[in-house]
């Protein structure tokens, strides 16, 4: 069986009010599903690793094969829980250690 290669994305939220972890990941899943359907969303392997309300930064894990799909989906997010929001990708890395050193 082949090992799944993963990538970690550090994203920054710009929004009026801070969403909860659940609201954020629901918005990401909704965006992926809207763009690529449920079959496409199932191939992403999305997982929220870390969510910092103070810094407005989230760490997301996805499969390497679906990285471009996830990046496009994150760019298409315009609202979270009915409030205007944008998501900016700060860094992409193959390991959490390298990602945290890039984001600081």
PDB file of N, CA and C in Angstrom:
ATOM      1  N   UNK A   1       0.844  -1.184   0.000  1.00  0.00           N
ATOM      2  CA  UNK A   1       0.000   0.000   0.000  1.00  0.00           C
ATOM      3  C   UNK A   1       0.886   1.243   0.000  1.00  0.00           C
ATOM      4  N   UNK A   2       0.497   2.197  -0.806  1.00  0.00           N
ATOM      5  CA  UNK A   2       1.289   3.407  -0.949  1.00  0.00           C
ATOM      6  C   UNK A   2       0.968   4.405   0.156  1.00  0.00           C
ATOM      7  N   UNK A   3       1.999   5.053   0.663  1.00  0.00           N
ATOM      8  CA  UNK A   3       1.844   6.046   1.719  1.00  0.00           C
ATOM      9  C   UNK A   3       1.277   7.342   1.143  1.00  0.00           C
ATOM     10  N   UNK A   4       0.363   7.954   1.868  1.00  0.00           N
ATOM     11  CA  UNK A   4      -0.233   9.211   1.434  1.00  0.00           C
ATOM     12  C   UNK A   4       0.683  10.358   1.845  1.00  0.00           C
ATOM     13  N   UNK A   5       1.097  11.161   0.859  1.00  0.00           N
ATOM     14  CA  UNK A   5       1.917  12.329   1.164  1.00  0.00           C
ATOM     15  C   UNK A   5       0.986  13.466   1.564  1.00  0.00           C
ATOM     16  N   UNK A   6       1.380  14.176   2.603  1.00  0.00           N
ATOM     17  CA  UNK A   6       0.536  15.250   3.133  1.00  0.00           C
ATOM     18  C   UNK A   6       1.253  16.586   3.064  1.00  0.00           C
ATOM     19  N   UNK A   7       0.461  17.629   3.068  1.00  0.00           N
ATOM     20  CA  UNK A   7       0.980  18.986   3.131  1.00  0.00           C
ATOM     21  C   UNK A   7       0.220  19.743   4.204  1.00  0.00           C
ATOM     22  N   UNK A   8       0.909  20.670   4.825  1.00  0.00           N
ATOM     23  CA  UNK A   8       0.330  21.492   5.881  1.00  0.00           C
ATOM     24  C   UNK A   8       0.270  22.935   5.399  1.00  0.00           C
ATOM     25  N   UNK A   9      -0.865  23.575   5.604  1.00  0.00           N
ATOM     26  CA  UNK A   9      -1.066  24.954   5.190  1.00  0.00           C
ATOM     27  C   UNK A   9      -1.296  25.817   6.412  1.00  0.00           C
ATOM     28  N   UNK A  10      -0.594  26.927   6.482  1.00  0.00           N
ATOM     29  CA  UNK A  10      -0.856  27.938   7.510  1.00  0.00           C
ATOM     30  C   UNK A  10      -1.693  29.019   6.840  1.00  0.00           C
ATOM     31  N   UNK A  11      -2.869  29.277   7.386  1.00  0.00           N
ATOM     32  CA  UNK A  11      -3.763  30.278   6.799  1.00  0.00           C
ATOM     33  C   UNK A  11      -4.119  31.328   7.845  1.00  0.00           C
ATOM     34  N   UNK A  12      -4.301  32.550   7.372  1.00  0.00           N
ATOM     35  CA  UNK A  12      -4.682  33.639   8.265  1.00  0.00           C
ATOM     36  C   UNK A  12      -6.088  34.097   7.916  1.00  0.00           C
ATOM     37  N   UNK A  13      -6.887  34.322   8.958  1.00  0.00           N
ATOM     38  CA  UNK A  13      -8.262  34.771   8.785  1.00  0.00           C
ATOM     39  C   UNK A  13      -8.337  36.278   8.909  1.00  0.00           C
ATOM     40  N   UNK A  14      -9.105  36.885   8.044  1.00  0.00           N
ATOM     41  CA  UNK A  14      -9.447  38.293   8.183  1.00  0.00           C
ATOM     42  C   UNK A  14     -10.962  38.350   8.211  1.00  0.00           C
ATOM     43  N   UNK A  15     -11.506  38.677   9.385  1.00  0.00           N
ATOM     44  CA  UNK A  15     -12.955  38.671   9.524  1.00  0.00           C
ATOM     45  C   UNK A  15     -13.388  39.686  10.579  1.00  0.00           C
ATOM     46  N   UNK A  16     -14.685  40.005  10.523  1.00  0.00           N
ATOM     47  CA  UNK A  16     -15.247  40.976  11.453  1.00  0.00           C
ATOM     48  C   UNK A  16     -15.218  40.448  12.884  1.00  0.00           C
ATOM     49  N   UNK A  17     -15.750  39.248  13.053  1.00  0.00           N
ATOM     50  CA  UNK A  17     -15.744  38.627  14.382  1.00  0.00           C
ATOM     51  C   UNK A  17     -15.097  37.255  14.250  1.00  0.00           C
ATOM     52  N   UNK A  18     -14.444  36.824  15.302  1.00  0.00           N
ATOM     53  CA  UNK A  18     -13.708  35.565  15.247  1.00  0.00           C
ATOM     54  C   UNK A  18     -14.650  34.365  15.245  1.00  0.00           C
ATOM     55  N   UNK A  19     -14.510  33.487  14.261  1.00  0.00           N
ATOM     56  CA  UNK A  19     -15.333  32.276  14.250  1.00  0.00           C
ATOM     57  C   UNK A  19     -14.750  31.223  15.192  1.00  0.00           C
ATOM     58  N   UNK A  20     -15.561  30.260  15.536  1.00  0.00           N
ATOM     59  CA  UNK A  20     -15.065  29.138  16.320  1.00  0.00           C
ATOM     60  C   UNK A  20     -14.353  28.159  15.389  1.00  0.00           C
ATOM     61  N   UNK A  21     -13.671  27.178  15.971  1.00  0.00           N
ATOM     62  CA  UNK A  21     -12.995  26.162  15.163  1.00  0.00           C
ATOM     63  C   UNK A  21     -13.990  25.461  14.257  1.00  0.00           C
ATOM     64  N   UNK A  22     -15.121  25.084  14.804  1.00  0.00           N
ATOM     65  CA  UNK A  22     -16.144  24.349  14.058  1.00  0.00           C
ATOM     66  C   UNK A  22     -16.678  25.188  12.901  1.00  0.00           C
ATOM     67  N   UNK A  23     -16.940  26.465  13.145  1.00  0.00           N
ATOM     68  CA  UNK A  23     -17.450  27.339  12.086  1.00  0.00           C
ATOM     69  C   UNK A  23     -16.427  27.489  10.961  1.00  0.00           C
ATOM     70  N   UNK A  24     -15.151  27.587  11.320  1.00  0.00           N
ATOM     71  CA  UNK A  24     -14.107  27.737  10.311  1.00  0.00           C
ATOM     72  C   UNK A  24     -13.988  26.494   9.448  1.00  0.00           C
ATOM     73  N   UNK A  25     -13.871  25.329  10.065  1.00  0.00           N
ATOM     74  CA  UNK A  25     -13.682  24.102   9.283  1.00  0.00           C
ATOM     75  C   UNK A  25     -14.939  23.780   8.480  1.00  0.00           C
ATOM     76  N   UNK A  26     -16.113  24.125   8.996  1.00  0.00           N
ATOM     77  CA  UNK A  26     -17.349  23.944   8.229  1.00  0.00           C
ATOM     78  C   UNK A  26     -17.342  24.819   6.977  1.00  0.00           C
ATOM     79  N   UNK A  27     -16.821  26.038   7.085  1.00  0.00           N
ATOM     80  CA  UNK A  27     -16.736  26.934   5.926  1.00  0.00           C
ATOM     81  C   UNK A  27     -15.757  26.385   4.888  1.00  0.00           C
ATOM     82  N   UNK A  28     -14.661  25.807   5.355  1.00  0.00           N
ATOM     83  CA  UNK A  28     -13.680  25.219   4.433  1.00  0.00           C
ATOM     84  C   UNK A  28     -14.293  24.027   3.708  1.00  0.00           C
ATOM     85  N   UNK A  29     -14.933  23.140   4.461  1.00  0.00           N
ATOM     86  CA  UNK A  29     -15.571  21.971   3.847  1.00  0.00           C
ATOM     87  C   UNK A  29     -16.665  22.395   2.869  1.00  0.00           C
ATOM     88  N   UNK A  30     -17.444  23.396   3.234  1.00  0.00           N
ATOM     89  CA  UNK A  30     -18.516  23.875   2.348  1.00  0.00           C
ATOM     90  C   UNK A  30     -17.933  24.429   1.054  1.00  0.00           C
ATOM     91  N   UNK A  31     -16.826  25.132   1.148  1.00  0.00           N
ATOM     92  CA  UNK A  31     -16.184  25.689  -0.035  1.00  0.00           C
ATOM     93  C   UNK A  31     -15.641  24.591  -0.950  1.00  0.00           C
ATOM     94  N   UNK A  32     -14.994  23.591  -0.373  1.00  0.00           N
ATOM     95  CA  UNK A  32     -14.463  22.475  -1.166  1.00  0.00           C
ATOM     96  C   UNK A  32     -15.608  21.727  -1.836  1.00  0.00           C
ATOM     97  N   UNK A  33     -16.668  21.478  -1.091  1.00  0.00           N
ATOM     98  CA  UNK A  33     -17.817  20.750  -1.626  1.00  0.00           C
ATOM     99  C   UNK A  33     -18.501  21.540  -2.732  1.00  0.00           C
ATOM    100  N   UNK A  34     -18.592  22.839  -2.550  1.00  0.00           N
ATOM    101  CA  UNK A  34     -19.230  23.685  -3.556  1.00  0.00           C
ATOM    102  C   UNK A  34     -18.450  23.679  -4.868  1.00  0.00           C
ATOM    103  N   UNK A  35     -17.124  23.722  -4.782  1.00  0.00           N
ATOM    104  CA  UNK A  35     -16.295  23.761  -5.989  1.00  0.00           C
ATOM    105  C   UNK A  35     -16.107  22.398  -6.645  1.00  0.00           C
ATOM    106  N   UNK A  36     -15.934  21.336  -5.850  1.00  0.00           N
ATOM    107  CA  UNK A  36     -15.541  20.039  -6.390  1.00  0.00           C
ATOM    108  C   UNK A  36     -16.522  18.907  -6.108  1.00  0.00           C
ATOM    109  N   UNK A  37     -17.596  19.185  -5.410  1.00  0.00           N
ATOM    110  CA  UNK A  37     -18.568  18.142  -5.105  1.00  0.00           C
ATOM    111  C   UNK A  37     -18.104  17.262  -3.968  1.00  0.00           C
ATOM    112  N   UNK A  38     -18.946  16.318  -3.602  1.00  0.00           N
ATOM    113  CA  UNK A  38     -18.617  15.463  -2.458  1.00  0.00           C
ATOM    114  C   UNK A  38     -17.508  14.477  -2.770  1.00  0.00           C
ATOM    115  N   UNK A  39     -17.445  14.009  -4.009  1.00  0.00           N
ATOM    116  CA  UNK A  39     -16.377  13.081  -4.381  1.00  0.00           C
ATOM    117  C   UNK A  39     -15.024  13.793  -4.320  1.00  0.00           C
ATOM    118  N   UNK A  40     -14.953  15.011  -4.839  1.00  0.00           N
ATOM    119  CA  UNK A  40     -13.712  15.782  -4.770  1.00  0.00           C
ATOM    120  C   UNK A  40     -13.327  16.113  -3.340  1.00  0.00           C
ATOM    121  N   UNK A  41     -14.322  16.451  -2.525  1.00  0.00           N
ATOM    122  CA  UNK A  41     -14.054  16.781  -1.122  1.00  0.00           C
ATOM    123  C   UNK A  41     -13.529  15.573  -0.361  1.00  0.00           C
ATOM    124  N   UNK A  42     -14.000  14.390  -0.733  1.00  0.00           N
ATOM    125  CA  UNK A  42     -13.555  13.192  -0.019  1.00  0.00           C
ATOM    126  C   UNK A  42     -12.100  12.852  -0.317  1.00  0.00           C
ATOM    127  N   UNK A  43     -11.559  13.341  -1.426  1.00  0.00           N
ATOM    128  CA  UNK A  43     -10.162  13.050  -1.768  1.00  0.00           C
ATOM    129  C   UNK A  43      -9.174  13.997  -1.091  1.00  0.00           C
ATOM    130  N   UNK A  44      -9.667  15.070  -0.466  1.00  0.00           N
ATOM    131  CA  UNK A  44      -8.764  16.064   0.116  1.00  0.00           C
ATOM    132  C   UNK A  44      -8.114  15.608   1.410  1.00  0.00           C
ATOM    133  N   UNK A  45      -8.815  14.830   2.205  1.00  0.00           N
ATOM    134  CA  UNK A  45      -8.269  14.408   3.498  1.00  0.00           C
ATOM    135  C   UNK A  45      -8.054  15.576   4.435  1.00  0.00           C
ATOM    136  N   UNK A  46      -8.930  16.562   4.391  1.00  0.00           N
ATOM    137  CA  UNK A  46      -8.793  17.769   5.217  1.00  0.00           C
ATOM    138  C   UNK A  46      -8.855  17.454   6.702  1.00  0.00           C
ATOM    139  N   UNK A  47      -8.007  18.151   7.451  1.00  0.00           N
ATOM    140  CA  UNK A  47      -8.008  18.006   8.898  1.00  0.00           C
ATOM    141  C   UNK A  47      -7.470  19.299   9.506  1.00  0.00           C
ATOM    142  N   UNK A  48      -8.169  19.827  10.496  1.00  0.00           N
ATOM    143  CA  UNK A  48      -7.717  21.030  11.195  1.00  0.00           C
ATOM    144  C   UNK A  48      -6.748  20.610  12.292  1.00  0.00           C
ATOM    145  N   UNK A  49      -5.520  21.084  12.214  1.00  0.00           N
ATOM    146  CA  UNK A  49      -4.483  20.712  13.176  1.00  0.00           C
ATOM    147  C   UNK A  49      -4.448  21.675  14.349  1.00  0.00           C
ATOM    148  N   UNK A  50      -4.474  22.978  14.054  1.00  0.00           N
ATOM    149  CA  UNK A  50      -4.353  23.984  15.099  1.00  0.00           C
ATOM    150  C   UNK A  50      -5.167  25.204  14.693  1.00  0.00           C
ATOM    151  N   UNK A  51      -5.759  25.872  15.689  1.00  0.00           N
ATOM    152  CA  UNK A  51      -6.566  27.059  15.432  1.00  0.00           C
ATOM    153  C   UNK A  51      -6.288  28.051  16.551  1.00  0.00           C
ATOM    154  N   UNK A  52      -5.657  29.168  16.209  1.00  0.00           N
ATOM    155  CA  UNK A  52      -5.293  30.175  17.199  1.00  0.00           C
ATOM    156  C   UNK A  52      -6.177  31.404  17.026  1.00  0.00           C
ATOM    157  N   UNK A  53      -7.054  31.644  17.993  1.00  0.00           N
ATOM    158  CA  UNK A  53      -7.934  32.805  17.924  1.00  0.00           C
ATOM    159  C   UNK A  53      -7.169  34.110  18.117  1.00  0.00           C
ATOM    160  N   UNK A  54      -6.141  34.094  18.959  1.00  0.00           N
ATOM    161  CA  UNK A  54      -5.388  35.314  19.232  1.00  0.00           C
ATOM    162  C   UNK A  54      -4.678  35.821  17.985  1.00  0.00           C
ATOM    163  N   UNK A  55      -4.051  34.906  17.256  1.00  0.00           N
ATOM    164  CA  UNK A  55      -3.280  35.289  16.066  1.00  0.00           C
ATOM    165  C   UNK A  55      -4.096  35.187  14.783  1.00  0.00           C
ATOM    166  N   UNK A  56      -5.295  34.631  14.862  1.00  0.00           N
ATOM    167  CA  UNK A  56      -6.166  34.404  13.699  1.00  0.00           C
ATOM    168  C   UNK A  56      -5.478  33.533  12.651  1.00  0.00           C
ATOM    169  N   UNK A  57      -4.785  32.499  13.118  1.00  0.00           N
ATOM    170  CA  UNK A  57      -4.070  31.590  12.222  1.00  0.00           C
ATOM    171  C   UNK A  57      -4.566  30.169  12.459  1.00  0.00           C
ATOM    172  N   UNK A  58      -4.747  29.442  11.367  1.00  0.00           N
ATOM    173  CA  UNK A  58      -5.150  28.048  11.435  1.00  0.00           C
ATOM    174  C   UNK A  58      -4.142  27.209  10.649  1.00  0.00           C
ATOM    175  N   UNK A  59      -3.924  25.978  11.105  1.00  0.00           N
ATOM    176  CA  UNK A  59      -3.069  25.029  10.416  1.00  0.00           C
ATOM    177  C   UNK A  59      -3.972  23.905   9.917  1.00  0.00           C
ATOM    178  N   UNK A  60      -3.898  23.638   8.612  1.00  0.00           N
ATOM    179  CA  UNK A  60      -4.741  22.627   7.979  1.00  0.00           C
ATOM    180  C   UNK A  60      -3.852  21.585   7.325  1.00  0.00           C
ATOM    181  N   UNK A  61      -4.233  20.313   7.450  1.00  0.00           N
ATOM    182  CA  UNK A  61      -3.514  19.233   6.778  1.00  0.00           C
ATOM    183  C   UNK A  61      -4.360  18.733   5.619  1.00  0.00           C
ATOM    184  N   UNK A  62      -3.709  18.452   4.482  1.00  0.00           N
ATOM    185  CA  UNK A  62      -4.400  17.903   3.324  1.00  0.00           C
ATOM    186  C   UNK A  62      -3.449  16.968   2.586  1.00  0.00           C
ATOM    187  N   UNK A  63      -3.983  16.208   1.650  1.00  0.00           N
ATOM    188  CA  UNK A  63      -3.124  15.340   0.852  1.00  0.00           C
ATOM    189  C   UNK A  63      -2.440  16.164  -0.233  1.00  0.00           C
ATOM    190  N   UNK A  64      -1.266  15.735  -0.638  1.00  0.00           N
ATOM    191  CA  UNK A  64      -0.510  16.443  -1.663  1.00  0.00           C
ATOM    192  C   UNK A  64      -1.276  16.491  -2.982  1.00  0.00           C
ATOM    193  N   UNK A  65      -1.962  15.404  -3.317  1.00  0.00           N
ATOM    194  CA  UNK A  65      -2.704  15.336  -4.580  1.00  0.00           C
ATOM    195  C   UNK A  65      -3.827  16.369  -4.641  1.00  0.00           C
ATOM    196  N   UNK A  66      -4.379  16.742  -3.494  1.00  0.00           N
ATOM    197  CA  UNK A  66      -5.508  17.673  -3.453  1.00  0.00           C
ATOM    198  C   UNK A  66      -5.092  19.081  -3.039  1.00  0.00           C
ATOM    199  N   UNK A  67      -3.808  19.357  -2.982  1.00  0.00           N
ATOM    200  CA  UNK A  67      -3.343  20.660  -2.504  1.00  0.00           C
ATOM    201  C   UNK A  67      -3.894  21.815  -3.333  1.00  0.00           C
ATOM    202  N   UNK A  68      -3.863  21.695  -4.638  1.00  0.00           N
ATOM    203  CA  UNK A  68      -4.363  22.788  -5.482  1.00  0.00           C
ATOM    204  C   UNK A  68      -5.863  22.986  -5.308  1.00  0.00           C
ATOM    205  N   UNK A  69      -6.596  21.907  -5.082  1.00  0.00           N
ATOM    206  CA  UNK A  69      -8.039  22.012  -4.842  1.00  0.00           C
ATOM    207  C   UNK A  69      -8.308  22.768  -3.551  1.00  0.00           C
ATOM    208  N   UNK A  70      -7.559  22.448  -2.510  1.00  0.00           N
ATOM    209  CA  UNK A  70      -7.753  23.090  -1.213  1.00  0.00           C
ATOM    210  C   UNK A  70      -7.366  24.562  -1.288  1.00  0.00           C
ATOM    211  N   UNK A  71      -6.277  24.870  -1.980  1.00  0.00           N
ATOM    212  CA  UNK A  71      -5.860  26.268  -2.108  1.00  0.00           C
ATOM    213  C   UNK A  71      -6.925  27.091  -2.833  1.00  0.00           C
ATOM    214  N   UNK A  72      -7.489  26.536  -3.895  1.00  0.00           N
ATOM    215  CA  UNK A  72      -8.549  27.240  -4.627  1.00  0.00           C
ATOM    216  C   UNK A  72      -9.786  27.410  -3.759  1.00  0.00           C
ATOM    217  N   UNK A  73     -10.104  26.403  -2.983  1.00  0.00           N
ATOM    218  CA  UNK A  73     -11.278  26.466  -2.114  1.00  0.00           C
ATOM    219  C   UNK A  73     -11.103  27.508  -1.015  1.00  0.00           C
ATOM    220  N   UNK A  74      -9.913  27.575  -0.440  1.00  0.00           N
ATOM    221  CA  UNK A  74      -9.648  28.575   0.593  1.00  0.00           C
ATOM    222  C   UNK A  74      -9.750  29.987   0.023  1.00  0.00           C
ATOM    223  N   UNK A  75      -9.291  30.162  -1.192  1.00  0.00           N
ATOM    224  CA  UNK A  75      -9.344  31.480  -1.820  1.00  0.00           C
ATOM    225  C   UNK A  75     -10.778  31.906  -2.128  1.00  0.00           C
ATOM    226  N   UNK A  76     -11.675  30.943  -2.272  1.00  0.00           N
ATOM    227  CA  UNK A  76     -13.061  31.276  -2.625  1.00  0.00           C
ATOM    228  C   UNK A  76     -13.957  31.535  -1.413  1.00  0.00           C
ATOM    229  N   UNK A  77     -13.428  31.404  -0.219  1.00  0.00           N
ATOM    230  CA  UNK A  77     -14.233  31.668   0.984  1.00  0.00           C
ATOM    231  C   UNK A  77     -14.456  33.174   1.117  1.00  0.00           C
ATOM    232  N   UNK A  78     -15.722  33.564   1.187  1.00  0.00           N
ATOM    233  CA  UNK A  78     -16.058  34.987   1.335  1.00  0.00           C
ATOM    234  C   UNK A  78     -16.796  35.272   2.638  1.00  0.00           C
ATOM    235  N   UNK A  79     -17.329  34.226   3.267  1.00  0.00           N
ATOM    236  CA  UNK A  79     -18.015  34.439   4.543  1.00  0.00           C
ATOM    237  C   UNK A  79     -17.901  33.189   5.406  1.00  0.00           C
ATOM    238  N   UNK A  80     -17.880  33.421   6.699  1.00  0.00           N
ATOM    239  CA  UNK A  80     -17.874  32.337   7.687  1.00  0.00           C
ATOM    240  C   UNK A  80     -19.003  32.623   8.660  1.00  0.00           C
ATOM    241  N   UNK A  81     -19.947  31.736   8.742  1.00  0.00           N
ATOM    242  CA  UNK A  81     -21.127  31.878   9.612  1.00  0.00           C
ATOM    243  C   UNK A  81     -21.904  33.157   9.309  1.00  0.00           C
ATOM    244  N   UNK A  82     -22.017  33.485   8.029  1.00  0.00           N
ATOM    245  CA  UNK A  82     -22.799  34.643   7.634  1.00  0.00           C
ATOM    246  C   UNK A  82     -22.114  35.983   7.797  1.00  0.00           C
ATOM    247  N   UNK A  83     -20.856  35.978   8.229  1.00  0.00           N
ATOM    248  CA  UNK A  83     -20.095  37.222   8.392  1.00  0.00           C
ATOM    249  C   UNK A  83     -18.972  37.253   7.369  1.00  0.00           C
ATOM    250  N   UNK A  84     -18.719  38.427   6.806  1.00  0.00           N
ATOM    251  CA  UNK A  84     -17.678  38.546   5.797  1.00  0.00           C
ATOM    252  C   UNK A  84     -16.331  38.095   6.338  1.00  0.00           C
ATOM    253  N   UNK A  85     -15.608  37.342   5.509  1.00  0.00           N
ATOM    254  CA  UNK A  85     -14.298  36.844   5.910  1.00  0.00           C
ATOM    255  C   UNK A  85     -13.484  36.496   4.677  1.00  0.00           C
ATOM    256  N   UNK A  86     -12.184  36.588   4.809  1.00  0.00           N
ATOM    257  CA  UNK A  86     -11.270  36.121   3.773  1.00  0.00           C
ATOM    258  C   UNK A  86     -10.199  35.259   4.429  1.00  0.00           C
ATOM    259  N   UNK A  87      -9.639  34.360   3.643  1.00  0.00           N
ATOM    260  CA  UNK A  87      -8.609  33.458   4.131  1.00  0.00           C
ATOM    261  C   UNK A  87      -7.388  33.614   3.240  1.00  0.00           C
ATOM    262  N   UNK A  88      -6.233  33.895   3.847  1.00  0.00           N
ATOM    263  CA  UNK A  88      -4.978  34.062   3.124  1.00  0.00           C
ATOM    264  C   UNK A  88      -4.032  32.929   3.492  1.00  0.00           C
ATOM    265  N   UNK A  89      -3.412  32.325   2.499  1.00  0.00           N
ATOM    266  CA  UNK A  89      -2.447  31.258   2.739  1.00  0.00           C
ATOM    267  C   UNK A  89      -1.094  31.897   3.035  1.00  0.00           C
ATOM    268  N   UNK A  90      -0.568  31.626   4.219  1.00  0.00           N
ATOM    269  CA  UNK A  90       0.726  32.181   4.628  1.00  0.00           C
ATOM    270  C   UNK A  90       1.889  31.306   4.188  1.00  0.00           C
ATOM    271  N   UNK A  91       1.737  29.983   4.340  1.00  0.00           N
ATOM    272  CA  UNK A  91       2.831  29.065   4.009  1.00  0.00           C
ATOM    273  C   UNK A  91       2.283  27.669   3.772  1.00  0.00           C
ATOM    274  N   UNK A  92       3.032  26.902   2.988  1.00  0.00           N
ATOM    275  CA  UNK A  92       2.728  25.495   2.746  1.00  0.00           C
ATOM    276  C   UNK A  92       4.007  24.719   2.998  1.00  0.00           C
ATOM    277  N   UNK A  93       3.894  23.583   3.697  1.00  0.00           N
ATOM    278  CA  UNK A  93       5.075  22.806   4.013  1.00  0.00           C
ATOM    279  C   UNK A  93       4.738  21.323   4.109  1.00  0.00           C
ATOM    280  N   UNK A  94       5.765  20.504   4.032  1.00  0.00           N
ATOM    281  CA  UNK A  94       5.586  19.069   4.158  1.00  0.00           C
ATOM    282  C   UNK A  94       5.659  18.590   5.595  1.00  0.00           C
ATOM    283  N   UNK A  95       6.179  19.431   6.499  1.00  0.00           N
ATOM    284  CA  UNK A  95       6.257  19.062   7.912  1.00  0.00           C
ATOM    285  C   UNK A  95       5.755  20.218   8.774  1.00  0.00           C
ATOM    286  N   UNK A  96       5.245  19.870   9.925  1.00  0.00           N
ATOM    287  CA  UNK A  96       4.765  20.894  10.854  1.00  0.00           C
ATOM    288  C   UNK A  96       5.924  21.727  11.401  1.00  0.00           C
ATOM    289  N   UNK A  97       7.066  21.088  11.636  1.00  0.00           N
ATOM    290  CA  UNK A  97       8.219  21.798  12.181  1.00  0.00           C
ATOM    291  C   UNK A  97       8.652  22.925  11.240  1.00  0.00           C
ATOM    292  N   UNK A  98       8.757  22.643   9.964  1.00  0.00           N
ATOM    293  CA  UNK A  98       9.142  23.664   8.986  1.00  0.00           C
ATOM    294  C   UNK A  98       8.067  24.733   8.844  1.00  0.00           C
ATOM    295  N   UNK A  99       6.815  24.320   8.925  1.00  0.00           N
ATOM    296  CA  UNK A  99       5.715  25.274   8.803  1.00  0.00           C
ATOM    297  C   UNK A  99       5.719  26.266   9.953  1.00  0.00           C
ATOM    298  N   UNK A 100       5.885  25.756  11.183  1.00  0.00           N
ATOM    299  CA  UNK A 100       5.907  26.642  12.351  1.00  0.00           C
ATOM    300  C   UNK A 100       7.113  27.583  12.318  1.00  0.00           C
ATOM    301  N   UNK A 101       8.245  27.127  11.777  1.00  0.00           N
ATOM    302  CA  UNK A 101       9.414  28.000  11.700  1.00  0.00           C
ATOM    303  C   UNK A 101       9.215  29.103  10.656  1.00  0.00           C
ATOM    304  N   UNK A 102       8.404  28.845   9.635  1.00  0.00           N
ATOM    305  CA  UNK A 102       8.125  29.863   8.611  1.00  0.00           C
ATOM    306  C   UNK A 102       7.094  30.870   9.067  1.00  0.00           C
ATOM    307  N   UNK A 103       6.147  30.460   9.897  1.00  0.00           N
ATOM    308  CA  UNK A 103       5.042  31.315  10.278  1.00  0.00           C
ATOM    309  C   UNK A 103       5.398  32.193  11.467  1.00  0.00           C
ATOM    310  N   UNK A 104       5.980  31.652  12.495  1.00  0.00           N
ATOM    311  CA  UNK A 104       6.357  32.341  13.736  1.00  0.00           C
ATOM    312  C   UNK A 104       5.242  33.195  14.195  1.00  0.00           C
TER     313      UNK A 104
END
